[in-house]
C-alpha atoms as a PDB file:
ATOM      1  CA  MET A   1     -28.103   5.684   8.797  1.00  0.00           C
ATOM      2  CA  SER A   2     -24.512   4.065   9.345  1.00  0.00           C
ATOM      3  CA  THR A   3     -21.378   3.369   7.938  1.00  0.00           C
ATOM      4  CA  GLN A   4     -18.310   1.816   9.073  1.00  0.00           C
ATOM      5  CA  VAL A   5     -15.127   3.480  10.050  1.00  0.00           C
ATOM      6  CA  THR A   6     -11.187   2.566  10.645  1.00  0.00           C
ATOM      7  CA  LEU A   7      -9.219   4.521  13.136  1.00  0.00           C
ATOM      8  CA  LEU A   8      -5.547   4.405  13.349  1.00  0.00           C
ATOM      9  CA  VAL A   9      -3.581   5.952  16.182  1.00  0.00           C
ATOM     10  CA  ASN A  10      -0.200   6.537  17.308  1.00  0.00           C
ATOM     11  CA  CYS A  11       1.042   8.616  20.326  1.00  0.00           C
ATOM     12  CA  HIS A  12       3.139   8.334  23.545  1.00  0.00           C
ATOM     13  CA  ASP A  13       1.479   5.764  25.809  1.00  0.00           C
ATOM     14  CA  ARG A  14      -0.604   7.008  28.685  1.00  0.00           C
ATOM     15  CA  THR A  15      -3.249   5.796  30.973  1.00  0.00           C
ATOM     16  CA  GLY A  16      -6.956   6.354  29.770  1.00  0.00           C
ATOM     17  CA  ILE A  17      -6.401   6.288  25.649  1.00  0.00           C
ATOM     18  CA  VAL A  18      -8.241   3.282  25.124  1.00  0.00           C
ATOM     19  CA  ALA A  19     -11.127   4.198  27.551  1.00  0.00           C
ATOM     20  CA  ALA A  20     -11.579   7.683  25.812  1.00  0.00           C
ATOM     21  CA  LEU A  21     -11.624   6.156  22.489  1.00  0.00           C
ATOM     22  CA  SER A  22     -14.145   3.285  23.360  1.00  0.00           C
ATOM     23  CA  ASP A  23     -16.405   6.076  25.224  1.00  0.00           C
ATOM     24  CA  LEU A  24     -16.348   8.045  22.359  1.00  0.00           C
ATOM     25  CA  VAL A  25     -17.772   5.241  20.254  1.00  0.00           C
ATOM     26  CA  ALA A  26     -20.303   4.331  22.850  1.00  0.00           C
ATOM     27  CA  ARG A  27     -21.646   7.768  23.428  1.00  0.00           C
ATOM     28  CA  SER A  28     -21.955   8.071  19.749  1.00  0.00           C
ATOM     29  CA  ASN A  29     -23.918   5.063  19.685  1.00  0.00           C
ATOM     30  CA  GLY A  30     -21.383   3.035  17.847  1.00  0.00           C
ATOM     31  CA  ASN A  31     -20.756  -0.489  17.619  1.00  0.00           C
ATOM     32  CA  ILE A  32     -16.848  -1.775  17.545  1.00  0.00           C
ATOM     33  CA  LEU A  33     -16.373  -4.562  15.169  1.00  0.00           C
ATOM     34  CA  ASP A  34     -12.397  -4.972  15.820  1.00  0.00           C
ATOM     35  CA  ALA A  35      -9.837  -3.517  17.962  1.00  0.00           C
ATOM     36  CA  ASP A  36      -5.976  -4.153  18.208  1.00  0.00           C
ATOM     37  CA  GLN A  37      -3.516  -2.237  20.287  1.00  0.00           C
ATOM     38  CA  HIS A  38       0.302  -2.434  20.993  1.00  0.00           C
ATOM     39  CA  SER A  39       2.460  -0.600  23.440  1.00  0.00           C
ATOM     40  CA  GLU A  40       6.075  -0.457  23.093  1.00  0.00           C
ATOM     41  CA  GLU A  41       8.267  -0.668  25.922  1.00  0.00           C
ATOM     42  CA  GLU A  42      11.507   0.753  24.690  1.00  0.00           C
ATOM     43  CA  SER A  43      10.109   3.330  22.607  1.00  0.00           C
ATOM     44  CA  GLY A  44       7.057   4.306  24.913  1.00  0.00           C
ATOM     45  CA  LEU A  45       4.820   4.644  21.730  1.00  0.00           C
ATOM     46  CA  PHE A  46       1.292   3.205  21.882  1.00  0.00           C
ATOM     47  CA  PHE A  47      -0.224   1.994  18.635  1.00  0.00           C
ATOM     48  CA  MET A  48      -4.011   1.148  18.222  1.00  0.00           C
ATOM     49  CA  ARG A  49      -6.363   0.218  15.125  1.00  0.00           C
ATOM     50  CA  MET A  50     -10.086   0.311  15.872  1.00  0.00           C
ATOM     51  CA  GLN A  51     -13.291  -0.387  13.523  1.00  0.00           C
ATOM     52  CA  TRP A  52     -16.661   0.448  14.211  1.00  0.00           C
ATOM     53  CA  VAL A  53     -20.045   1.057  12.904  1.00  0.00           C
ATOM     54  CA  LEU A  54     -20.842   4.623  13.347  1.00  0.00           C
ATOM     55  CA  ASP A  55     -24.372   5.766  13.609  1.00  0.00           C
ATOM     56  CA  THR A  56     -24.385   8.897  11.500  1.00  0.00           C
ATOM     57  CA  ASP A  57     -27.670  10.144  12.879  1.00  0.00           C
ATOM     58  CA  THR A  58     -26.097  10.486  16.192  1.00  0.00           C
ATOM     59  CA  LEU A  59     -22.567  11.672  14.899  1.00  0.00           C
ATOM     60  CA  ASP A  60     -21.893  12.251  11.402  1.00  0.00           C
ATOM     61  CA  ALA A  61     -18.075  11.957  10.072  1.00  0.00           C
ATOM     62  CA  SER A  62     -17.504  15.657  10.525  1.00  0.00           C
ATOM     63  CA  GLY A  63     -18.624  15.878  14.166  1.00  0.00           C
ATOM     64  CA  LEU A  64     -16.490  12.431  14.893  1.00  0.00           C
ATOM     65  CA  ARG A  65     -13.201  14.592  13.226  1.00  0.00           C
ATOM     66  CA  GLN A  66     -14.017  17.489  15.879  1.00  0.00           C
ATOM     67  CA  ALA A  67     -14.202  14.908  18.849  1.00  0.00           C
ATOM     68  CA  LEU A  68     -11.043  13.199  17.513  1.00  0.00           C
ATOM     69  CA  ASP A  69      -9.304  16.587  17.248  1.00  0.00           C
ATOM     70  CA  ALA A  70     -10.344  17.026  20.988  1.00  0.00           C
ATOM     71  CA  LEU A  71      -8.809  13.496  21.986  1.00  0.00           C
ATOM     72  CA  ALA A  72      -5.726  14.249  19.944  1.00  0.00           C
ATOM     73  CA  GLU A  73      -5.150  17.537  21.949  1.00  0.00           C
ATOM     74  CA  ARG A  74      -5.765  16.137  25.047  1.00  0.00           C
ATOM     75  CA  PHE A  75      -3.465  12.893  24.491  1.00  0.00           C
ATOM     76  CA  GLY A  76      -1.200  13.817  21.813  1.00  0.00           C
ATOM     77  CA  LEU A  77      -2.840  11.554  19.401  1.00  0.00           C
ATOM     78  CA  HIS A  78      -1.645  11.282  15.705  1.00  0.00           C
ATOM     79  CA  TYR A  79      -4.607   9.819  13.893  1.00  0.00           C
ATOM     80  CA  GLU A  80      -6.021   8.762  10.597  1.00  0.00           C
ATOM     81  CA  LEU A  81      -9.663   8.341  10.246  1.00  0.00           C
ATOM     82  CA  HIS A  82     -10.948   6.787   7.413  1.00  0.00           C
ATOM     83  CA  VAL A  83     -14.703   6.699   6.416  1.00  0.00           C
ATOM     84  CA  HIS A  84     -16.146   3.553   4.439  1.00  0.00           C
ATOM     85  CA  ASP A  85     -18.396   5.698   2.180  1.00  0.00           C
ATOM     86  CA  ALA A  86     -16.680   4.999  -1.000  1.00  0.00           C
ATOM     87  CA  PRO A  87     -14.493   2.177  -2.268  1.00  0.00           C
ATOM     88  CA  THR A  88     -10.641   2.954  -2.927  1.00  0.00           C
ATOM     89  CA  ARG A  89      -9.827   3.300  -6.867  1.00  0.00           C
ATOM     90  CA  VAL A  90      -6.206   1.833  -7.564  1.00  0.00           C
ATOM     91  CA  ALA A  91      -4.140   2.665 -10.790  1.00  0.00           C
ATOM     92  CA  ILE A  92      -1.488   0.110 -11.536  1.00  0.00           C
ATOM     93  CA  PHE A  93       1.610   1.375 -13.202  1.00  0.00           C
ATOM     94  CA  CYS A  94       3.408  -1.178 -14.899  1.00  0.00           C
ATOM     95  CA  SER A  95       6.177  -1.842 -17.752  1.00  0.00           C
ATOM     96  CA  THR A  96       6.702  -5.200 -19.439  1.00  0.00           C
ATOM     97  CA  ALA A  97       6.671  -7.770 -16.481  1.00  0.00           C
ATOM     98  CA  PRO A  98       3.247  -9.492 -16.475  1.00  0.00           C
ATOM     99  CA  HIS A  99       3.064 -11.342 -13.175  1.00  0.00           C
ATOM    100  CA  CYS A 100       2.188  -8.755 -10.865  1.00  0.00           C
ATOM    101  CA  VAL A 101      -0.167  -7.316 -12.951  1.00  0.00           C
ATOM    102  CA  TYR A 102      -1.902 -10.498 -13.845  1.00  0.00           C
ATOM    103  CA  ASP A 103      -2.107 -11.283 -10.377  1.00  0.00           C
ATOM    104  CA  LEU A 104      -3.670  -8.135  -9.044  1.00  0.00           C
ATOM    105  CA  LEU A 105      -6.317  -8.265 -11.749  1.00  0.00           C
ATOM    106  CA  LEU A 106      -7.216 -11.761 -11.190  1.00  0.00           C
ATOM    107  CA  LYS A 107      -7.630 -11.075  -7.529  1.00  0.00           C
ATOM    108  CA  GLU A 108      -9.975  -8.156  -8.230  1.00  0.00           C
ATOM    109  CA  ARG A 109     -12.118 -10.258 -10.679  1.00  0.00           C
ATOM    110  CA  MET A 110     -12.530 -12.959  -7.881  1.00  0.00           C
ATOM    111  CA  GLY A 111     -13.662 -10.247  -5.091  1.00  0.00           C
ATOM    112  CA  GLU A 112     -10.333 -10.533  -3.131  1.00  0.00           C
ATOM    113  CA  PHE A 113     -10.130  -6.783  -3.064  1.00  0.00           C
ATOM    114  CA  ALA A 114     -13.974  -5.896  -2.821  1.00  0.00           C
ATOM    115  CA  PRO A 115     -15.346  -3.352  -2.501  1.00  0.00           C
ATOM    116  CA  HIS A 116     -12.176  -1.546  -3.594  1.00  0.00           C
ATOM    117  CA  VAL A 117     -11.211  -1.520  -7.540  1.00  0.00           C
ATOM    118  CA  MET A 118      -8.656  -1.639  -9.753  1.00  0.00           C
ATOM    119  CA  ALA A 119      -9.499   1.267 -11.443  1.00  0.00           C
ATOM    120  CA  CYS A 120      -6.839   1.626 -14.420  1.00  0.00           C
ATOM    121  CA  VAL A 121      -3.596   0.424 -15.768  1.00  0.00           C
ATOM    122  CA  ILE A 122      -0.945   2.991 -16.850  1.00  0.00           C
ATOM    123  CA  SER A 123       2.060   1.785 -18.753  1.00  0.00           C
ATOM    124  CA  ASN A 124       4.874   2.980 -20.823  1.00  0.00           C
ATOM    125  CA  HIS A 125       4.521   0.162 -23.157  1.00  0.00           C
ATOM    126  CA  PRO A 126       1.528  -0.398 -25.266  1.00  0.00           C
ATOM    127  CA  GLN A 127       1.068  -4.301 -24.876  1.00  0.00           C
ATOM    128  CA  TRP A 128      -1.301  -4.149 -22.047  1.00  0.00           C
ATOM    129  CA  GLN A 129      -4.103  -2.821 -24.350  1.00  0.00           C
ATOM    130  CA  ASP A 130      -5.507  -6.455 -24.903  1.00  0.00           C
ATOM    131  CA  VAL A 131      -5.262  -7.364 -21.433  1.00  0.00           C
ATOM    132  CA  CYS A 132      -7.228  -4.428 -20.143  1.00  0.00           C
ATOM    133  CA  ASP A 133      -9.809  -4.976 -22.982  1.00  0.00           C
ATOM    134  CA  HIS A 134     -10.437  -8.521 -21.581  1.00  0.00           C
ATOM    135  CA  PHE A 135     -10.772  -7.379 -18.026  1.00  0.00           C
ATOM    136  CA  ARG A 136     -12.984  -4.218 -19.172  1.00  0.00           C
ATOM    137  CA  LEU A 137     -10.528  -2.055 -17.680  1.00  0.00           C
ATOM    138  CA  PRO A 138      -9.148   1.523 -19.046  1.00  0.00           C
ATOM    139  CA  PHE A 139      -5.756   1.324 -20.344  1.00  0.00           C
ATOM    140  CA  TYR A 140      -3.486   4.349 -20.802  1.00  0.00           C
ATOM    141  CA  HIS A 141      -0.099   4.414 -22.724  1.00  0.00           C
ATOM    142  CA  VAL A 142       1.963   6.949 -21.880  1.00  0.00           C
ATOM    143  CA  SER A 143       5.365   6.576 -23.571  1.00  0.00           C
ATOM    144  CA  VAL A 144       8.752   7.587 -20.993  1.00  0.00           C
ATOM    145  CA  ASN A 145      11.804   8.707 -21.907  1.00  0.00           C
ATOM    146  CA  ALA A 146      14.938  10.670 -20.705  1.00  0.00           C
ATOM    147  CA  GLU A 147      13.618  13.521 -22.971  1.00  0.00           C
ATOM    148  CA  ASN A 148       9.860  13.720 -21.898  1.00  0.00           C
ATOM    149  CA  LYS A 149       9.478  12.668 -18.624  1.00  0.00           C
ATOM    150  CA  ALA A 150       8.057  15.884 -17.256  1.00  0.00           C
ATOM    151  CA  ALA A 151       5.414  15.743 -19.987  1.00  0.00           C
ATOM    152  CA  ALA A 152       4.586  12.069 -19.350  1.00  0.00           C
ATOM    153  CA  GLU A 153       4.310  12.576 -15.637  1.00  0.00           C
ATOM    154  CA  ALA A 154       2.216  15.553 -16.376  1.00  0.00           C
ATOM    155  CA  ARG A 155      -0.090  13.101 -18.432  1.00  0.00           C
ATOM    156  CA  GLN A 156       0.217  10.654 -15.684  1.00  0.00           C
ATOM    157  CA  ARG A 157      -1.145  13.276 -13.336  1.00  0.00           C
ATOM    158  CA  GLU A 158      -4.268  14.105 -15.435  1.00  0.00           C
ATOM    159  CA  ILE A 159      -5.103  10.813 -15.754  1.00  0.00           C
ATOM    160  CA  LEU A 160      -4.992   9.991 -11.870  1.00  0.00           C
ATOM    161  CA  ALA A 161      -7.034  12.988 -11.768  1.00  0.00           C
ATOM    162  CA  ALA A 162      -9.648  12.000 -14.272  1.00  0.00           C
ATOM    163  CA  GLU A 163     -10.098   8.327 -12.850  1.00  0.00           C
ATOM    164  CA  ASP A 164     -10.347   9.683  -9.467  1.00  0.00           C
ATOM    165  CA  ILE A 165      -7.391   7.607  -8.205  1.00  0.00           C
ATOM    166  CA  ASP A 166      -6.643   6.992  -4.409  1.00  0.00           C
ATOM    167  CA  LEU A 167      -3.823   4.603  -4.555  1.00  0.00           C
ATOM    168  CA  ILE A 168      -0.786   3.984  -6.960  1.00  0.00           C
ATOM    169  CA  VAL A 169       0.612   0.385  -7.237  1.00  0.00           C
ATOM    170  CA  LEU A 170       4.043   0.054  -8.941  1.00  0.00           C
ATOM    171  CA  ALA A 171       3.436  -3.574 -10.445  1.00  0.00           C
ATOM    172  CA  ARG A 172       7.046  -3.818 -11.766  1.00  0.00           C
ATOM    173  CA  TYR A 173       7.023  -0.251 -13.179  1.00  0.00           C
ATOM    174  CA  MET A 174      10.743   0.459 -14.099  1.00  0.00           C
ATOM    175  CA  GLN A 175      10.734   4.224 -14.186  1.00  0.00           C
ATOM    176  CA  ILE A 176      11.618   6.235 -11.160  1.00  0.00           C
ATOM    177  CA  LEU A 177       8.808   8.551 -10.020  1.00  0.00           C
ATOM    178  CA  SER A 178       9.934  12.465  -9.448  1.00  0.00           C
ATOM    179  CA  PRO A 179      10.000  13.726  -5.973  1.00  0.00           C
ATOM    180  CA  GLU A 180       7.438  16.065  -6.289  1.00  0.00           C
ATOM    181  CA  LEU A 181       5.091  13.207  -7.551  1.00  0.00           C
ATOM    182  CA  VAL A 182       6.113  11.229  -4.332  1.00  0.00           C
ATOM    183  CA  ALA A 183       5.718  13.894  -2.041  1.00  0.00           C
ATOM    184  CA  GLU A 184       2.171  14.550  -3.372  1.00  0.00           C
ATOM    185  CA  TRP A 185       1.340  10.964  -3.058  1.00  0.00           C
ATOM    186  CA  LYS A 186       2.934   9.985   0.253  1.00  0.00           C
ATOM    187  CA  GLY A 187       1.806   6.586   1.670  1.00  0.00           C
ATOM    188  CA  ARG A 188      -0.424   6.078  -1.290  1.00  0.00           C
ATOM    189  CA  ILE A 189       2.452   4.647  -3.590  1.00  0.00           C
ATOM    190  CA  ILE A 190       3.234   1.048  -3.040  1.00  0.00           C
ATOM    191  CA  ASN A 191       6.195  -0.724  -4.920  1.00  0.00           C
ATOM    192  CA  ILE A 192       7.528  -4.318  -5.291  1.00  0.00           C
ATOM    193  CA  HIS A 193      10.902  -5.428  -5.695  1.00  0.00           C
ATOM    194  CA  HIS A 194      13.278  -8.270  -5.021  1.00  0.00           C
ATOM    195  CA  SER A 195      15.021  -8.321  -1.438  1.00  0.00           C
ATOM    196  CA  PHE A 196      18.632  -8.378  -2.621  1.00  0.00           C
ATOM    197  CA  LEU A 197      18.926  -4.595  -2.088  1.00  0.00           C
ATOM    198  CA  PRO A 198      21.378  -3.239  -0.891  1.00  0.00           C
ATOM    199  CA  ALA A 199      23.427  -6.250  -1.717  1.00  0.00           C
ATOM    200  CA  PHE A 200      22.807  -6.846  -5.283  1.00  0.00           C
ATOM    201  CA  VAL A 201      22.132  -3.164  -7.000  1.00  0.00           C
ATOM    202  CA  GLY A 202      21.843  -2.644 -10.667  1.00  0.00           C
ATOM    203  CA  ALA A 203      21.088  -5.208 -13.570  1.00  0.00           C
ATOM    204  CA  ARG A 204      20.888  -8.877 -13.364  1.00  0.00           C
ATOM    205  CA  PRO A 205      20.471  -9.331  -9.535  1.00  0.00           C
ATOM    206  CA  TYR A 206      19.624 -13.131 -10.033  1.00  0.00           C
ATOM    207  CA  HIS A 207      22.701 -13.847 -11.793  1.00  0.00           C
ATOM    208  CA  GLN A 208      24.703 -11.726  -9.107  1.00  0.00           C
ATOM    209  CA  ALA A 209      22.865 -13.717  -6.443  1.00  0.00           C
ATOM    210  CA  LYS A 210      23.663 -17.261  -8.200  1.00  0.00           C
ATOM    211  CA  ASP A 211      27.286 -16.203  -8.331  1.00  0.00           C
ATOM    212  CA  ARG A 212      27.561 -15.433  -4.668  1.00  0.00           C
ATOM    213  CA  GLY A 213      25.631 -18.812  -3.748  1.00  0.00           C
ATOM    214  CA  VAL A 214      22.749 -17.030  -1.783  1.00  0.00           C
ATOM    215  CA  LYS A 215      20.526 -19.569   0.462  1.00  0.00           C
ATOM    216  CA  ILE A 216      17.499 -17.264   0.240  1.00  0.00           C
ATOM    217  CA  ILE A 217      15.654 -15.004  -2.217  1.00  0.00           C
ATOM    218  CA  GLY A 218      12.742 -12.906  -1.343  1.00  0.00           C
ATOM    219  CA  ALA A 219      10.461  -9.837  -2.310  1.00  0.00           C
ATOM    220  CA  THR A 220       9.646  -6.552  -0.339  1.00  0.00           C
ATOM    221  CA  ALA A 221       6.664  -4.192  -0.634  1.00  0.00           C
ATOM    222  CA  HIS A 222       6.910  -0.763   0.484  1.00  0.00           C
ATOM    223  CA  TYR A 223       5.633   2.718   0.225  1.00  0.00           C
ATOM    224  CA  VAL A 224       7.675   4.773  -2.261  1.00  0.00           C
ATOM    225  CA  THR A 225       9.563   7.666  -0.802  1.00  0.00           C
ATOM    226  CA  ALA A 226      12.146  10.236  -2.505  1.00  0.00           C
ATOM    227  CA  GLU A 227      15.059   7.807  -1.400  1.00  0.00           C
ATOM    228  CA  LEU A 228      14.882   4.920  -3.945  1.00  0.00           C
ATOM    229  CA  ASP A 229      13.738   1.476  -2.444  1.00  0.00           C
ATOM    230  CA  GLN A 230      14.155   2.794   1.091  1.00  0.00           C
ATOM    231  CA  GLY A 231      10.398   3.440   2.051  1.00  0.00           C
ATOM    232  CA  PRO A 232       8.386   2.021   4.762  1.00  0.00           C
ATOM    233  CA  ILE A 233       8.093  -1.646   4.331  1.00  0.00           C
ATOM    234  CA  ILE A 234       4.467  -3.338   4.417  1.00  0.00           C
ATOM    235  CA  GLU A 235       5.226  -6.935   3.610  1.00  0.00           C
ATOM    236  CA  GLN A 236       8.128  -9.307   2.890  1.00  0.00           C
ATOM    237  CA  ASP A 237       8.454 -13.011   2.402  1.00  0.00           C
ATOM    238  CA  VAL A 238      11.464 -15.402   1.419  1.00  0.00           C
ATOM    239  CA  THR A 239      12.045 -18.898  -0.108  1.00  0.00           C
ATOM    240  CA  ARG A 240      15.206 -21.113   0.275  1.00  0.00           C
ATOM    241  CA  VAL A 241      17.224 -21.828  -2.764  1.00  0.00           C
ATOM    242  CA  THR A 242      20.270 -24.069  -3.228  1.00  0.00           C
ATOM    243  CA  HIS A 243      23.029 -24.819  -5.466  1.00  0.00           C
ATOM    244  CA  ARG A 244      20.772 -26.804  -7.707  1.00  0.00           C
ATOM    245  CA  ASP A 245      18.956 -23.830  -8.862  1.00  0.00           C
ATOM    246  CA  GLU A 246      19.694 -22.338 -11.860  1.00  0.00           C
ATOM    247  CA  VAL A 247      19.305 -18.563 -12.650  1.00  0.00           C
ATOM    248  CA  SER A 248      15.941 -19.257 -14.207  1.00  0.00           C
ATOM    249  CA  ASP A 249      14.755 -20.979 -11.144  1.00  0.00           C
ATOM    250  CA  LEU A 250      15.803 -17.941  -9.016  1.00  0.00           C
ATOM    251  CA  VAL A 251      13.878 -15.892 -11.505  1.00  0.00           C
ATOM    252  CA  ARG A 252      10.702 -17.952 -11.428  1.00  0.00           C
ATOM    253  CA  LYS A 253      10.729 -18.173  -7.410  1.00  0.00           C
ATOM    254  CA  GLY A 254      11.248 -14.570  -7.151  1.00  0.00           C
ATOM    255  CA  ARG A 255       8.634 -13.689  -9.547  1.00  0.00           C
ATOM    256  CA  ASP A 256       5.969 -15.742  -7.319  1.00  0.00           C
ATOM    257  CA  LEU A 257       7.317 -14.120  -4.350  1.00  0.00           C
ATOM    258  CA  GLU A 258       6.928 -10.760  -5.815  1.00  0.00           C
ATOM    259  CA  ARG A 259       3.310 -11.297  -6.890  1.00  0.00           C
ATOM    260  CA  GLN A 260       2.185 -12.695  -3.728  1.00  0.00           C
ATOM    261  CA  VAL A 261       3.886 -10.025  -1.495  1.00  0.00           C
ATOM    262  CA  LEU A 262       2.636  -6.965  -3.699  1.00  0.00           C
ATOM    263  CA  SER A 263      -1.056  -8.380  -3.417  1.00  0.00           C
ATOM    264  CA  ARG A 264      -0.906  -8.755   0.186  1.00  0.00           C
ATOM    265  CA  ALA A 265       0.618  -5.338   0.769  1.00  0.00           C
ATOM    266  CA  VAL A 266      -2.368  -3.827  -1.499  1.00  0.00           C
ATOM    267  CA  GLY A 267      -4.869  -5.893   0.594  1.00  0.00           C
ATOM    268  CA  LEU A 268      -3.378  -4.437   4.032  1.00  0.00           C
ATOM    269  CA  HIS A 269      -3.160  -0.902   2.660  1.00  0.00           C
ATOM    270  CA  LEU A 270      -6.807  -1.134   1.342  1.00  0.00           C
ATOM    271  CA  ASP A 271      -7.867  -2.911   4.774  1.00  0.00           C
ATOM    272  CA  ARG A 272      -6.552  -0.033   6.505  1.00  0.00           C
ATOM    273  CA  ARG A 273      -4.464  -2.225   8.479  1.00  0.00           C
ATOM    274  CA  VAL A 274      -0.929  -0.190   7.877  1.00  0.00           C
ATOM    275  CA  LEU A 275       0.015   2.313  10.141  1.00  0.00           C
ATOM    276  CA  GLU A 276       3.299   4.584   9.182  1.00  0.00           C
ATOM    277  CA  CYS A 277       5.449   5.972  11.985  1.00  0.00           C
ATOM    278  CA  ASN A 278       9.277   6.914  11.577  1.00  0.00           C
ATOM    279  CA  ASN A 279       9.681   5.310   8.329  1.00  0.00           C
ATOM    280  CA  ARG A 280       8.364   2.036   9.532  1.00  0.00           C
ATOM    281  CA  THR A 281       5.097   0.678   9.574  1.00  0.00           C
ATOM    282  CA  ILE A 282       3.017  -1.196  12.269  1.00  0.00           C
ATOM    283  CA  ILE A 283       0.715  -3.849  10.489  1.00  0.00           C
ATOM    284  CA  PHE A 284      -2.388  -4.833  12.376  1.00  0.00           C
ATOM    285  CA  ARG A 285      -3.008  -8.551  10.990  1.00  0.00           C
END
């Protein structure tokens, strides 16, 4: 029997780390499929992503974790081990903006996220029922207002548990999650927003940008933390604009960037190519 595993490592750089990890794979009759590493001279940190086929008859996942624990103690490793024995199940949170939701659902329909699945849609607005019916996807309407936020989040937690969710994607979900939920799902909630922050805070950011004569607009996808829109950045992109662009043009270009950046960020997470370190990310492309 065999299965694929992906290992993400960060630690202070020192001689012998790559050799020790490669030796572990060889001794367990594994076959390395992909390996990428990076050392930072300034910080002295070492980062690595390695993916291999694990021969579970020689070493099962539990035994592999024990072997990695020994190496972690020896080298001071911080590691994440992902065993590809089941697809990641994703819950999409959304409000009224459709562009990011449709893009995620279409990409899954075309197999771009396979074997991982968009498992359900949760929204504080009811109009997504027909869309989810079309995609044969469970839809949950959870109304949220100032008076029922705690009860609404309790219901969302029930849904996440019932659907066995591994990752939450905020596809233009216009509600703030509680610090408790964010802490519980650390590194497993991805958000998307325009890249004007912190310059143009609040409502009508594209109007503010037009008034200031900006020359580029962008979008940022990041992990959610308790500090609003300040989490580790996964993916970004920009496009140039000119004085000839009306506000509607800026909004249209911004929507295109948001859906592209969010889908790329979700794909990077699902492929286990994102390593968090000190409120930033290392992306293995």
